[in-house]
Amino acid sequence: MAYREEIAVEIQKLVEKAPAGVSSHHLKDFKQQDVVDTVNRLHLKYPKVIRDTFIDHAKYATIEIEK
């Protein structure tokens, strides 16, 4: 359970492709707690673009991007 650079790279790709407004994404191929830790660290760096997250009822970390 920690920040992982490979997840950060995937999130950056999502940010680049995200439409205007708020969009939600998932990275289901990664350990979800690692996704949470990575998203929340990126949220600290980019609070206007990446929202903080948690593991939802479906057991996935939702990545919300605002452009």
N, C-alpha and C. Protein backbone atom coordinates (compact mmCIF):
# COMPACT_ATOMS: atom_id res chain seq x y z
N MET A 1 0.84 -1.18 0.00
CA MET A 1 0.00 0.00 0.00
C MET A 1 0.88 1.24 0.00
N ALA A 2 0.98 1.84 -1.18
CA ALA A 2 1.84 3.01 -1.27
C ALA A 2 1.69 3.67 -2.63
N TYR A 3 2.27 4.87 -2.72
CA TYR A 3 2.36 5.56 -3.99
C TYR A 3 3.18 4.70 -4.94
N ARG A 4 2.69 4.55 -6.17
CA ARG A 4 3.44 3.78 -7.17
C ARG A 4 3.55 4.61 -8.44
N GLU A 5 4.77 4.73 -8.92
CA GLU A 5 5.05 5.56 -10.10
C GLU A 5 4.29 5.05 -11.33
N GLU A 6 4.16 3.73 -11.50
CA GLU A 6 3.46 3.22 -12.68
C GLU A 6 1.98 3.60 -12.66
N ILE A 7 1.40 3.71 -11.48
CA ILE A 7 0.02 4.17 -11.37
C ILE A 7 -0.04 5.66 -11.69
N ALA A 8 0.92 6.42 -11.20
CA ALA A 8 0.97 7.86 -11.49
C ALA A 8 1.06 8.12 -13.00
N VAL A 9 1.82 7.30 -13.70
CA VAL A 9 1.93 7.44 -15.15
C VAL A 9 0.57 7.18 -15.82
N GLU A 10 -0.13 6.17 -15.36
CA GLU A 10 -1.45 5.86 -15.93
C GLU A 10 -2.45 6.99 -15.63
N ILE A 11 -2.36 7.56 -14.45
CA ILE A 11 -3.25 8.67 -14.10
C ILE A 11 -2.94 9.88 -14.98
N GLN A 12 -1.67 10.13 -15.23
CA GLN A 12 -1.30 11.24 -16.12
C GLN A 12 -1.90 11.04 -17.51
N LYS A 13 -1.90 9.81 -18.00
CA LYS A 13 -2.52 9.52 -19.30
C LYS A 13 -4.02 9.81 -19.26
N LEU A 14 -4.66 9.44 -18.14
CA LEU A 14 -6.09 9.72 -18.00
C LEU A 14 -6.35 11.23 -18.00
N VAL A 15 -5.51 11.98 -17.31
CA VAL A 15 -5.67 13.44 -17.26
C VAL A 15 -5.55 14.02 -18.66
N GLU A 16 -4.58 13.56 -19.42
CA GLU A 16 -4.39 14.08 -20.78
C GLU A 16 -5.59 13.81 -21.68
N LYS A 17 -6.23 12.66 -21.51
CA LYS A 17 -7.35 12.26 -22.37
C LYS A 17 -8.71 12.69 -21.83
N ALA A 18 -8.77 13.16 -20.60
CA ALA A 18 -10.05 13.48 -19.96
C ALA A 18 -10.75 14.64 -20.67
N PRO A 19 -12.07 14.55 -20.78
CA PRO A 19 -12.83 15.65 -21.40
C PRO A 19 -12.94 16.84 -20.45
N ALA A 20 -13.42 17.95 -20.96
CA ALA A 20 -13.66 19.12 -20.12
C ALA A 20 -14.74 18.78 -19.09
N GLY A 21 -14.63 19.39 -17.93
CA GLY A 21 -15.58 19.11 -16.85
C GLY A 21 -15.02 18.04 -15.93
N VAL A 22 -15.91 17.37 -15.22
CA VAL A 22 -15.50 16.33 -14.28
C VAL A 22 -15.75 14.97 -14.92
N SER A 23 -14.75 14.10 -14.85
CA SER A 23 -14.90 12.74 -15.37
C SER A 23 -14.38 11.75 -14.33
N SER A 24 -14.94 10.55 -14.34
CA SER A 24 -14.55 9.50 -13.39
C SER A 24 -13.91 8.34 -14.13
N HIS A 25 -12.88 7.78 -13.52
CA HIS A 25 -12.11 6.71 -14.14
C HIS A 25 -11.72 5.68 -13.08
N HIS A 26 -11.35 4.48 -13.55
CA HIS A 26 -10.87 3.42 -12.66
C HIS A 26 -9.64 2.76 -13.28
N LEU A 27 -8.75 2.31 -12.44
CA LEU A 27 -7.60 1.50 -12.87
C LEU A 27 -7.75 0.15 -12.18
N LYS A 28 -8.54 -0.72 -12.79
CA LYS A 28 -8.91 -1.98 -12.17
C LYS A 28 -7.79 -3.01 -12.14
N ASP A 29 -6.75 -2.81 -12.93
CA ASP A 29 -5.66 -3.79 -12.99
C ASP A 29 -4.62 -3.61 -11.90
N PHE A 30 -4.80 -2.62 -11.04
CA PHE A 30 -3.85 -2.36 -9.96
C PHE A 30 -4.50 -2.63 -8.62
N LYS A 31 -3.68 -2.86 -7.62
CA LYS A 31 -4.17 -2.98 -6.25
C LYS A 31 -4.84 -1.66 -5.87
N GLN A 32 -6.09 -1.73 -5.49
CA GLN A 32 -6.88 -0.52 -5.31
C GLN A 32 -6.37 0.39 -4.18
N GLN A 33 -5.82 -0.17 -3.13
CA GLN A 33 -5.27 0.69 -2.08
C GLN A 33 -4.06 1.47 -2.60
N ASP A 34 -3.28 0.88 -3.49
CA ASP A 34 -2.17 1.60 -4.11
C ASP A 34 -2.69 2.73 -5.00
N VAL A 35 -3.80 2.48 -5.68
CA VAL A 35 -4.42 3.53 -6.50
C VAL A 35 -4.86 4.68 -5.60
N VAL A 36 -5.51 4.36 -4.49
CA VAL A 36 -5.94 5.40 -3.54
C VAL A 36 -4.75 6.22 -3.06
N ASP A 37 -3.70 5.54 -2.63
CA ASP A 37 -2.52 6.24 -2.11
C ASP A 37 -1.89 7.14 -3.17
N THR A 38 -1.83 6.65 -4.40
CA THR A 38 -1.23 7.43 -5.48
C THR A 38 -2.10 8.61 -5.86
N VAL A 39 -3.40 8.38 -6.01
CA VAL A 39 -4.33 9.47 -6.35
C VAL A 39 -4.29 10.55 -5.27
N ASN A 40 -4.32 10.15 -4.02
CA ASN A 40 -4.36 11.15 -2.95
C ASN A 40 -3.06 11.94 -2.86
N ARG A 41 -1.95 11.33 -3.17
CA ARG A 41 -0.70 12.08 -3.20
C ARG A 41 -0.69 13.06 -4.37
N LEU A 42 -1.18 12.61 -5.53
CA LEU A 42 -1.26 13.51 -6.69
C LEU A 42 -2.26 14.65 -6.43
N HIS A 43 -3.31 14.36 -5.68
CA HIS A 43 -4.28 15.40 -5.32
C HIS A 43 -3.60 16.52 -4.53
N LEU A 44 -2.65 16.17 -3.69
CA LEU A 44 -1.92 17.20 -2.93
C LEU A 44 -1.12 18.11 -3.85
N LYS A 45 -0.59 17.55 -4.94
CA LYS A 45 0.19 18.33 -5.91
C LYS A 45 -0.70 19.10 -6.88
N TYR A 46 -1.83 18.50 -7.26
CA TYR A 46 -2.72 19.07 -8.28
C TYR A 46 -4.17 19.10 -7.78
N PRO A 47 -4.45 19.86 -6.73
CA PRO A 47 -5.79 19.82 -6.12
C PRO A 47 -6.92 20.33 -7.02
N LYS A 48 -6.60 21.12 -8.02
CA LYS A 48 -7.65 21.64 -8.91
C LYS A 48 -7.96 20.68 -10.05
N VAL A 49 -7.14 19.66 -10.22
CA VAL A 49 -7.32 18.72 -11.34
C VAL A 49 -7.72 17.33 -10.85
N ILE A 50 -7.07 16.84 -9.82
CA ILE A 50 -7.31 15.48 -9.33
C ILE A 50 -7.93 15.56 -7.94
N ARG A 51 -9.09 14.95 -7.80
CA ARG A 51 -9.78 14.94 -6.51
C ARG A 51 -9.28 13.77 -5.66
N ASP A 52 -9.35 13.94 -4.34
CA ASP A 52 -8.95 12.83 -3.48
C ASP A 52 -9.97 11.70 -3.62
N THR A 53 -9.59 10.50 -3.20
CA THR A 53 -10.44 9.34 -3.44
C THR A 53 -10.41 8.38 -2.27
N PHE A 54 -11.20 7.34 -2.38
CA PHE A 54 -11.30 6.26 -1.40
C PHE A 54 -11.80 5.04 -2.15
N ILE A 55 -11.83 3.90 -1.50
CA ILE A 55 -12.36 2.69 -2.13
C ILE A 55 -13.87 2.69 -1.92
N ASP A 56 -14.62 2.62 -3.03
CA ASP A 56 -16.08 2.71 -2.96
C ASP A 56 -16.72 1.36 -2.62
N HIS A 57 -18.05 1.34 -2.60
CA HIS A 57 -18.79 0.13 -2.25
C HIS A 57 -18.53 -1.03 -3.22
N ALA A 58 -18.13 -0.72 -4.45
CA ALA A 58 -17.81 -1.75 -5.44
C ALA A 58 -16.36 -2.22 -5.32
N LYS A 59 -15.64 -1.67 -4.35
CA LYS A 59 -14.25 -2.03 -4.05
C LYS A 59 -13.25 -1.49 -5.08
N TYR A 60 -13.61 -0.36 -5.70
CA TYR A 60 -12.71 0.31 -6.64
C TYR A 60 -12.42 1.73 -6.18
N ALA A 61 -11.25 2.21 -6.52
CA ALA A 61 -10.88 3.60 -6.25
C ALA A 61 -11.28 4.42 -7.47
N THR A 62 -12.22 5.31 -7.30
CA THR A 62 -12.65 6.17 -8.40
C THR A 62 -11.69 7.35 -8.52
N ILE A 63 -11.22 7.58 -9.73
CA ILE A 63 -10.31 8.69 -10.00
C ILE A 63 -11.14 9.77 -10.67
N GLU A 64 -11.32 10.89 -9.99
CA GLU A 64 -12.09 12.00 -10.54
C GLU A 64 -11.14 13.10 -11.00
N ILE A 65 -11.32 13.47 -12.26
CA ILE A 65 -10.47 14.48 -12.88
C ILE A 65 -11.34 15.66 -13.28
N GLU A 66 -10.88 16.85 -12.97
CA GLU A 66 -11.62 18.06 -13.33
C GLU A 66 -10.75 18.95 -14.20
N LYS A 67 -11.26 19.25 -15.38
CA LYS A 67 -10.52 20.11 -16.32
C LYS A 67 -11.33 21.34 -16.64
